[in-house]
Amino acid sequence: MVQFSVYAKIFPNRSSLDNYMIGLRNNLPKHGSIRAMAVTEKQYNNMFLLVGDKTITEKAITDDPMVIL
C-alpha cells in the first residue's frame, strides 16, 4: 500500500488538469516520492466506502449539476 498523505483536486476538464500538472512538475522537490493519478468522475463515484459513513456534504450531493447554496 502506498499512502502517507493523499490530496484530491477536481478539474473541470482534461486541459485544466494538464496545465496544473505542468506547474506542479515545475515545483517538485528534488527528493521524495510523489505520485499523481487522474480518475474520471464516474470512476470516483464507484469508490468503495469501507469504514464509516458518508460526510454531510457527500450525502447532499446529487447528480443534479445545479447546486443551490
PDB file of N, CA and C in Angstrom:
ATOM      1  N   MET A   1       0.845  -1.175   0.000  1.00  0.00           N
ATOM      2  CA  MET A   1       0.000   0.000   0.000  1.00  0.00           C
ATOM      3  C   MET A   1       0.892   1.240   0.000  1.00  0.00           C
ATOM      4  N   VAL A   2       0.525   2.191  -0.790  1.00  0.00           N
ATOM      5  CA  VAL A   2       1.268   3.445  -0.878  1.00  0.00           C
ATOM      6  C   VAL A   2       0.366   4.554  -0.375  1.00  0.00           C
ATOM      7  N   GLN A   3       0.681   5.081   0.804  1.00  0.00           N
ATOM      8  CA  GLN A   3      -0.087   6.221   1.299  1.00  0.00           C
ATOM      9  C   GLN A   3       0.601   6.821   2.504  1.00  0.00           C
ATOM     10  N   PHE A   4       0.989   8.040   2.413  1.00  0.00           N
ATOM     11  CA  PHE A   4       1.422   8.813   3.556  1.00  0.00           C
ATOM     12  C   PHE A   4       0.470   9.994   3.685  1.00  0.00           C
ATOM     13  N   SER A   5       0.269  10.709   2.614  1.00  0.00           N
ATOM     14  CA  SER A   5      -0.706  11.790   2.537  1.00  0.00           C
ATOM     15  C   SER A   5      -1.394  11.683   1.188  1.00  0.00           C
ATOM     16  N   VAL A   6      -2.680  11.920   1.187  1.00  0.00           N
ATOM     17  CA  VAL A   6      -3.445  11.869  -0.055  1.00  0.00           C
ATOM     18  C   VAL A   6      -4.170  13.199  -0.213  1.00  0.00           C
ATOM     19  N   TYR A   7      -4.027  13.810  -1.366  1.00  0.00           N
ATOM     20  CA  TYR A   7      -4.683  15.074  -1.667  1.00  0.00           C
ATOM     21  C   TYR A   7      -5.533  14.889  -2.916  1.00  0.00           C
ATOM     22  N   ALA A   8      -6.662  15.547  -2.955  1.00  0.00           N
ATOM     23  CA  ALA A   8      -7.549  15.455  -4.115  1.00  0.00           C
ATOM     24  C   ALA A   8      -7.817  16.854  -4.656  1.00  0.00           C
ATOM     25  N   LYS A   9      -7.881  16.964  -5.960  1.00  0.00           N
ATOM     26  CA  LYS A   9      -8.210  18.232  -6.614  1.00  0.00           C
ATOM     27  C   LYS A   9      -9.104  17.922  -7.798  1.00  0.00           C
ATOM     28  N   ILE A  10     -10.154  18.680  -7.940  1.00  0.00           N
ATOM     29  CA  ILE A  10     -11.116  18.472  -9.018  1.00  0.00           C
ATOM     30  C   ILE A  10     -10.822  19.458 -10.148  1.00  0.00           C
ATOM     31  N   PHE A  11     -10.841  18.948 -11.371  1.00  0.00           N
ATOM     32  CA  PHE A  11     -10.629  19.777 -12.552  1.00  0.00           C
ATOM     33  C   PHE A  11     -11.842  19.667 -13.463  1.00  0.00           C
ATOM     34  N   PRO A  12     -12.241  20.772 -14.096  1.00  0.00           N
ATOM     35  CA  PRO A  12     -13.426  20.732 -14.958  1.00  0.00           C
ATOM     36  C   PRO A  12     -13.208  19.979 -16.266  1.00  0.00           C
ATOM     37  N   ASN A  13     -11.942  19.866 -16.687  1.00  0.00           N
ATOM     38  CA  ASN A  13     -11.658  19.176 -17.953  1.00  0.00           C
ATOM     39  C   ASN A  13     -10.200  18.730 -17.988  1.00  0.00           C
ATOM     40  N   ARG A  14      -9.850  17.962 -19.004  1.00  0.00           N
ATOM     41  CA  ARG A  14      -8.505  17.394 -19.113  1.00  0.00           C
ATOM     42  C   ARG A  14      -7.443  18.465 -19.335  1.00  0.00           C
ATOM     43  N   SER A  15      -7.770  19.501 -20.094  1.00  0.00           N
ATOM     44  CA  SER A  15      -6.761  20.532 -20.353  1.00  0.00           C
ATOM     45  C   SER A  15      -6.402  21.288 -19.072  1.00  0.00           C
ATOM     46  N   SER A  16      -7.368  21.490 -18.187  1.00  0.00           N
ATOM     47  CA  SER A  16      -7.076  22.123 -16.896  1.00  0.00           C
ATOM     48  C   SER A  16      -6.144  21.249 -16.070  1.00  0.00           C
ATOM     49  N   LEU A  17      -6.393  19.952 -16.088  1.00  0.00           N
ATOM     50  CA  LEU A  17      -5.515  19.008 -15.392  1.00  0.00           C
ATOM     51  C   LEU A  17      -4.105  19.066 -15.968  1.00  0.00           C
ATOM     52  N   ASP A  18      -3.998  19.035 -17.292  1.00  0.00           N
ATOM     53  CA  ASP A  18      -2.688  19.062 -17.941  1.00  0.00           C
ATOM     54  C   ASP A  18      -1.912  20.327 -17.577  1.00  0.00           C
ATOM     55  N   ASN A  19      -2.577  21.477 -17.579  1.00  0.00           N
ATOM     56  CA  ASN A  19      -1.921  22.737 -17.221  1.00  0.00           C
ATOM     57  C   ASN A  19      -1.468  22.727 -15.764  1.00  0.00           C
ATOM     58  N   TYR A  20      -2.294  22.198 -14.885  1.00  0.00           N
ATOM     59  CA  TYR A  20      -1.938  22.118 -13.474  1.00  0.00           C
ATOM     60  C   TYR A  20      -0.716  21.215 -13.283  1.00  0.00           C
ATOM     61  N   MET A  21      -0.686  20.094 -13.989  1.00  0.00           N
ATOM     62  CA  MET A  21       0.424  19.149 -13.859  1.00  0.00           C
ATOM     63  C   MET A  21       1.738  19.760 -14.341  1.00  0.00           C
ATOM     64  N   ILE A  22       1.688  20.607 -15.356  1.00  0.00           N
ATOM     65  CA  ILE A  22       2.900  21.297 -15.818  1.00  0.00           C
ATOM     66  C   ILE A  22       3.453  22.160 -14.689  1.00  0.00           C
ATOM     67  N   GLY A  23       2.580  22.938 -14.061  1.00  0.00           N
ATOM     68  CA  GLY A  23       3.013  23.782 -12.945  1.00  0.00           C
ATOM     69  C   GLY A  23       3.510  22.964 -11.764  1.00  0.00           C
ATOM     70  N   LEU A  24       2.834  21.868 -11.482  1.00  0.00           N
ATOM     71  CA  LEU A  24       3.237  21.007 -10.373  1.00  0.00           C
ATOM     72  C   LEU A  24       4.617  20.409 -10.633  1.00  0.00           C
ATOM     73  N   ARG A  25       4.825  19.904 -11.830  1.00  0.00           N
ATOM     74  CA  ARG A  25       6.124  19.301 -12.179  1.00  0.00           C
ATOM     75  C   ARG A  25       7.264  20.320 -12.081  1.00  0.00           C
ATOM     76  N   ASN A  26       6.963  21.574 -12.357  1.00  0.00           N
ATOM     77  CA  ASN A  26       7.989  22.618 -12.290  1.00  0.00           C
ATOM     78  C   ASN A  26       8.328  23.018 -10.857  1.00  0.00           C
ATOM     79  N   ASN A  27       7.559  22.543  -9.877  1.00  0.00           N
ATOM     80  CA  ASN A  27       7.771  22.939  -8.484  1.00  0.00           C
ATOM     81  C   ASN A  27       7.949  21.755  -7.544  1.00  0.00           C
ATOM     82  N   LEU A  28       8.395  20.632  -8.063  1.00  0.00           N
ATOM     83  CA  LEU A  28       8.594  19.446  -7.234  1.00  0.00           C
ATOM     84  C   LEU A  28       9.888  19.547  -6.437  1.00  0.00           C
ATOM     85  N   PRO A  29       9.913  18.937  -5.249  1.00  0.00           N
ATOM     86  CA  PRO A  29      11.173  18.891  -4.501  1.00  0.00           C
ATOM     87  C   PRO A  29      12.161  17.965  -5.209  1.00  0.00           C
ATOM     88  N   LYS A  30      13.427  18.104  -4.880  1.00  0.00           N
ATOM     89  CA  LYS A  30      14.455  17.295  -5.532  1.00  0.00           C
ATOM     90  C   LYS A  30      14.409  15.838  -5.087  1.00  0.00           C
ATOM     91  N   HIS A  31      13.929  15.570  -3.885  1.00  0.00           N
ATOM     92  CA  HIS A  31      13.905  14.211  -3.350  1.00  0.00           C
ATOM     93  C   HIS A  31      12.509  13.884  -2.833  1.00  0.00           C
ATOM     94  N   GLY A  32      12.227  12.608  -2.745  1.00  0.00           N
ATOM     95  CA  GLY A  32      10.942  12.165  -2.220  1.00  0.00           C
ATOM     96  C   GLY A  32      10.248  11.243  -3.201  1.00  0.00           C
ATOM     97  N   SER A  33       9.030  10.928  -2.883  1.00  0.00           N
ATOM     98  CA  SER A  33       8.218  10.069  -3.745  1.00  0.00           C
ATOM     99  C   SER A  33       6.846  10.714  -3.874  1.00  0.00           C
ATOM    100  N   ILE A  34       6.583  11.285  -5.016  1.00  0.00           N
ATOM    101  CA  ILE A  34       5.314  11.970  -5.267  1.00  0.00           C
ATOM    102  C   ILE A  34       4.683  11.343  -6.494  1.00  0.00           C
ATOM    103  N   ARG A  35       3.433  10.974  -6.370  1.00  0.00           N
ATOM    104  CA  ARG A  35       2.720  10.331  -7.479  1.00  0.00           C
ATOM    105  C   ARG A  35       1.403  11.058  -7.710  1.00  0.00           C
ATOM    106  N   ALA A  36       0.947  10.998  -8.933  1.00  0.00           N
ATOM    107  CA  ALA A  36      -0.338  11.604  -9.285  1.00  0.00           C
ATOM    108  C   ALA A  36      -1.147  10.584 -10.067  1.00  0.00           C
ATOM    109  N   MET A  37      -2.442  10.630  -9.875  1.00  0.00           N
ATOM    110  CA  MET A  37      -3.330   9.723 -10.587  1.00  0.00           C
ATOM    111  C   MET A  37      -4.587  10.499 -10.966  1.00  0.00           C
ATOM    112  N   ALA A  38      -5.002  10.362 -12.191  1.00  0.00           N
ATOM    113  CA  ALA A  38      -6.228  11.011 -12.650  1.00  0.00           C
ATOM    114  C   ALA A  38      -7.331   9.963 -12.734  1.00  0.00           C
ATOM    115  N   VAL A  39      -8.475  10.289 -12.166  1.00  0.00           N
ATOM    116  CA  VAL A  39      -9.641   9.410 -12.273  1.00  0.00           C
ATOM    117  C   VAL A  39     -10.813  10.235 -12.770  1.00  0.00           C
ATOM    118  N   THR A  40     -11.680   9.604 -13.516  1.00  0.00           N
ATOM    119  CA  THR A  40     -12.865  10.296 -14.009  1.00  0.00           C
ATOM    120  C   THR A  40     -13.887  10.393 -12.880  1.00  0.00           C
ATOM    121  N   GLU A  41     -14.873  11.245 -13.080  1.00  0.00           N
ATOM    122  CA  GLU A  41     -15.933  11.380 -12.080  1.00  0.00           C
ATOM    123  C   GLU A  41     -16.664  10.052 -11.886  1.00  0.00           C
ATOM    124  N   LYS A  42     -16.864   9.332 -12.974  1.00  0.00           N
ATOM    125  CA  LYS A  42     -17.539   8.036 -12.889  1.00  0.00           C
ATOM    126  C   LYS A  42     -16.717   7.048 -12.060  1.00  0.00           C
ATOM    127  N   GLN A  43     -15.417   7.017 -12.283  1.00  0.00           N
ATOM    128  CA  GLN A  43     -14.551   6.134 -11.503  1.00  0.00           C
ATOM    129  C   GLN A  43     -14.574   6.525 -10.027  1.00  0.00           C
ATOM    130  N   TYR A  44     -14.521   7.817  -9.741  1.00  0.00           N
ATOM    131  CA  TYR A  44     -14.553   8.294  -8.356  1.00  0.00           C
ATOM    132  C   TYR A  44     -15.862   7.893  -7.680  1.00  0.00           C
ATOM    133  N   ASN A  45     -16.958   7.986  -8.412  1.00  0.00           N
ATOM    134  CA  ASN A  45     -18.263   7.638  -7.849  1.00  0.00           C
ATOM    135  C   ASN A  45     -18.388   6.152  -7.552  1.00  0.00           C
ATOM    136  N   ASN A  46     -17.549   5.324  -8.162  1.00  0.00           N
ATOM    137  CA  ASN A  46     -17.572   3.882  -7.908  1.00  0.00           C
ATOM    138  C   ASN A  46     -16.646   3.467  -6.771  1.00  0.00           C
ATOM    139  N   MET A  47     -16.118   4.434  -6.024  1.00  0.00           N
ATOM    140  CA  MET A  47     -15.233   4.141  -4.907  1.00  0.00           C
ATOM    141  C   MET A  47     -16.017   3.424  -3.799  1.00  0.00           C
ATOM    142  N   PHE A  48     -15.362   2.474  -3.142  1.00  0.00           N
ATOM    143  CA  PHE A  48     -15.991   1.730  -2.051  1.00  0.00           C
ATOM    144  C   PHE A  48     -15.780   2.465  -0.729  1.00  0.00           C
ATOM    145  N   LEU A  49     -16.813   2.558   0.070  1.00  0.00           N
ATOM    146  CA  LEU A  49     -16.730   3.114   1.416  1.00  0.00           C
ATOM    147  C   LEU A  49     -16.598   1.928   2.362  1.00  0.00           C
ATOM    148  N   LEU A  50     -15.418   1.717   2.931  1.00  0.00           N
ATOM    149  CA  LEU A  50     -15.148   0.519   3.722  1.00  0.00           C
ATOM    150  C   LEU A  50     -15.456   0.692   5.208  1.00  0.00           C
ATOM    151  N   VAL A  51     -15.178   1.859   5.768  1.00  0.00           N
ATOM    152  CA  VAL A  51     -15.419   2.106   7.186  1.00  0.00           C
ATOM    153  C   VAL A  51     -16.016   3.497   7.329  1.00  0.00           C
ATOM    154  N   GLY A  52     -16.992   3.643   8.202  1.00  0.00           N
ATOM    155  CA  GLY A  52     -17.580   4.952   8.455  1.00  0.00           C
ATOM    156  C   GLY A  52     -18.754   5.243   7.537  1.00  0.00           C
ATOM    157  N   ASP A  53     -19.205   6.478   7.583  1.00  0.00           N
ATOM    158  CA  ASP A  53     -20.354   6.919   6.799  1.00  0.00           C
ATOM    159  C   ASP A  53     -19.945   8.054   5.875  1.00  0.00           C
ATOM    160  N   LYS A  54     -20.796   8.334   4.907  1.00  0.00           N
ATOM    161  CA  LYS A  54     -20.573   9.485   4.040  1.00  0.00           C
ATOM    162  C   LYS A  54     -20.676  10.758   4.875  1.00  0.00           C
ATOM    163  N   THR A  55     -19.922  11.777   4.467  1.00  0.00           N
ATOM    164  CA  THR A  55     -19.996  13.063   5.151  1.00  0.00           C
ATOM    165  C   THR A  55     -21.318  13.740   4.798  1.00  0.00           C
ATOM    166  N   ILE A  56     -21.661  14.769   5.528  1.00  0.00           N
ATOM    167  CA  ILE A  56     -22.892  15.520   5.251  1.00  0.00           C
ATOM    168  C   ILE A  56     -22.854  16.061   3.828  1.00  0.00           C
ATOM    169  N   THR A  57     -21.689  16.540   3.404  1.00  0.00           N
ATOM    170  CA  THR A  57     -21.541  17.072   2.047  1.00  0.00           C
ATOM    171  C   THR A  57     -21.785  15.988   1.012  1.00  0.00           C
ATOM    172  N   GLU A  58     -21.211  14.809   1.218  1.00  0.00           N
ATOM    173  CA  GLU A  58     -21.397  13.713   0.268  1.00  0.00           C
ATOM    174  C   GLU A  58     -22.860  13.302   0.180  1.00  0.00           C
ATOM    175  N   LYS A  59     -23.556  13.328   1.303  1.00  0.00           N
ATOM    176  CA  LYS A  59     -24.974  12.959   1.313  1.00  0.00           C
ATOM    177  C   LYS A  59     -25.817  13.991   0.568  1.00  0.00           C
ATOM    178  N   ALA A  60     -25.380  15.255   0.605  1.00  0.00           N
ATOM    179  CA  ALA A  60     -26.144  16.331  -0.028  1.00  0.00           C
ATOM    180  C   ALA A  60     -25.936  16.382  -1.535  1.00  0.00           C
ATOM    181  N   ILE A  61     -24.837  15.829  -2.017  1.00  0.00           N
ATOM    182  CA  ILE A  61     -24.517  15.892  -3.449  1.00  0.00           C
ATOM    183  C   ILE A  61     -25.402  14.922  -4.218  1.00  0.00           C
ATOM    184  N   THR A  62     -25.954  15.418  -5.311  1.00  0.00           N
ATOM    185  CA  THR A  62     -26.779  14.590  -6.185  1.00  0.00           C
ATOM    186  C   THR A  62     -26.205  14.647  -7.594  1.00  0.00           C
ATOM    187  N   ASP A  63     -26.863  13.989  -8.525  1.00  0.00           N
ATOM    188  CA  ASP A  63     -26.430  14.034  -9.922  1.00  0.00           C
ATOM    189  C   ASP A  63     -26.830  15.336 -10.603  1.00  0.00           C
ATOM    190  N   ASP A  64     -27.647  16.138  -9.927  1.00  0.00           N
ATOM    191  CA  ASP A  64     -28.084  17.409 -10.492  1.00  0.00           C
ATOM    192  C   ASP A  64     -26.897  18.377 -10.535  1.00  0.00           C
ATOM    193  N   PRO A  65     -26.527  18.893 -11.717  1.00  0.00           N
ATOM    194  CA  PRO A  65     -25.371  19.780 -11.814  1.00  0.00           C
ATOM    195  C   PRO A  65     -25.595  21.149 -11.171  1.00  0.00           C
ATOM    196  N   MET A  66     -26.841  21.489 -10.833  1.00  0.00           N
ATOM    197  CA  MET A  66     -27.137  22.783 -10.227  1.00  0.00           C
ATOM    198  C   MET A  66     -27.174  22.642  -8.713  1.00  0.00           C
ATOM    199  N   VAL A  67     -26.367  23.451  -8.036  1.00  0.00           N
ATOM    200  CA  VAL A  67     -26.318  23.418  -6.577  1.00  0.00           C
ATOM    201  C   VAL A  67     -26.820  24.752  -6.063  1.00  0.00           C
ATOM    202  N   ILE A  68     -27.773  24.723  -5.153  1.00  0.00           N
ATOM    203  CA  ILE A  68     -28.315  25.943  -4.557  1.00  0.00           C
ATOM    204  C   ILE A  68     -27.738  26.064  -3.156  1.00  0.00           C
ATOM    205  N   LEU A  69     -27.054  27.179  -2.899  1.00  0.00           N
ATOM    206  CA  LEU A  69     -26.436  27.398  -1.588  1.00  0.00           C
ATOM    207  C   LEU A  69     -27.280  28.308  -0.740  1.00  0.00           C
TER     208      LEU A  69
END
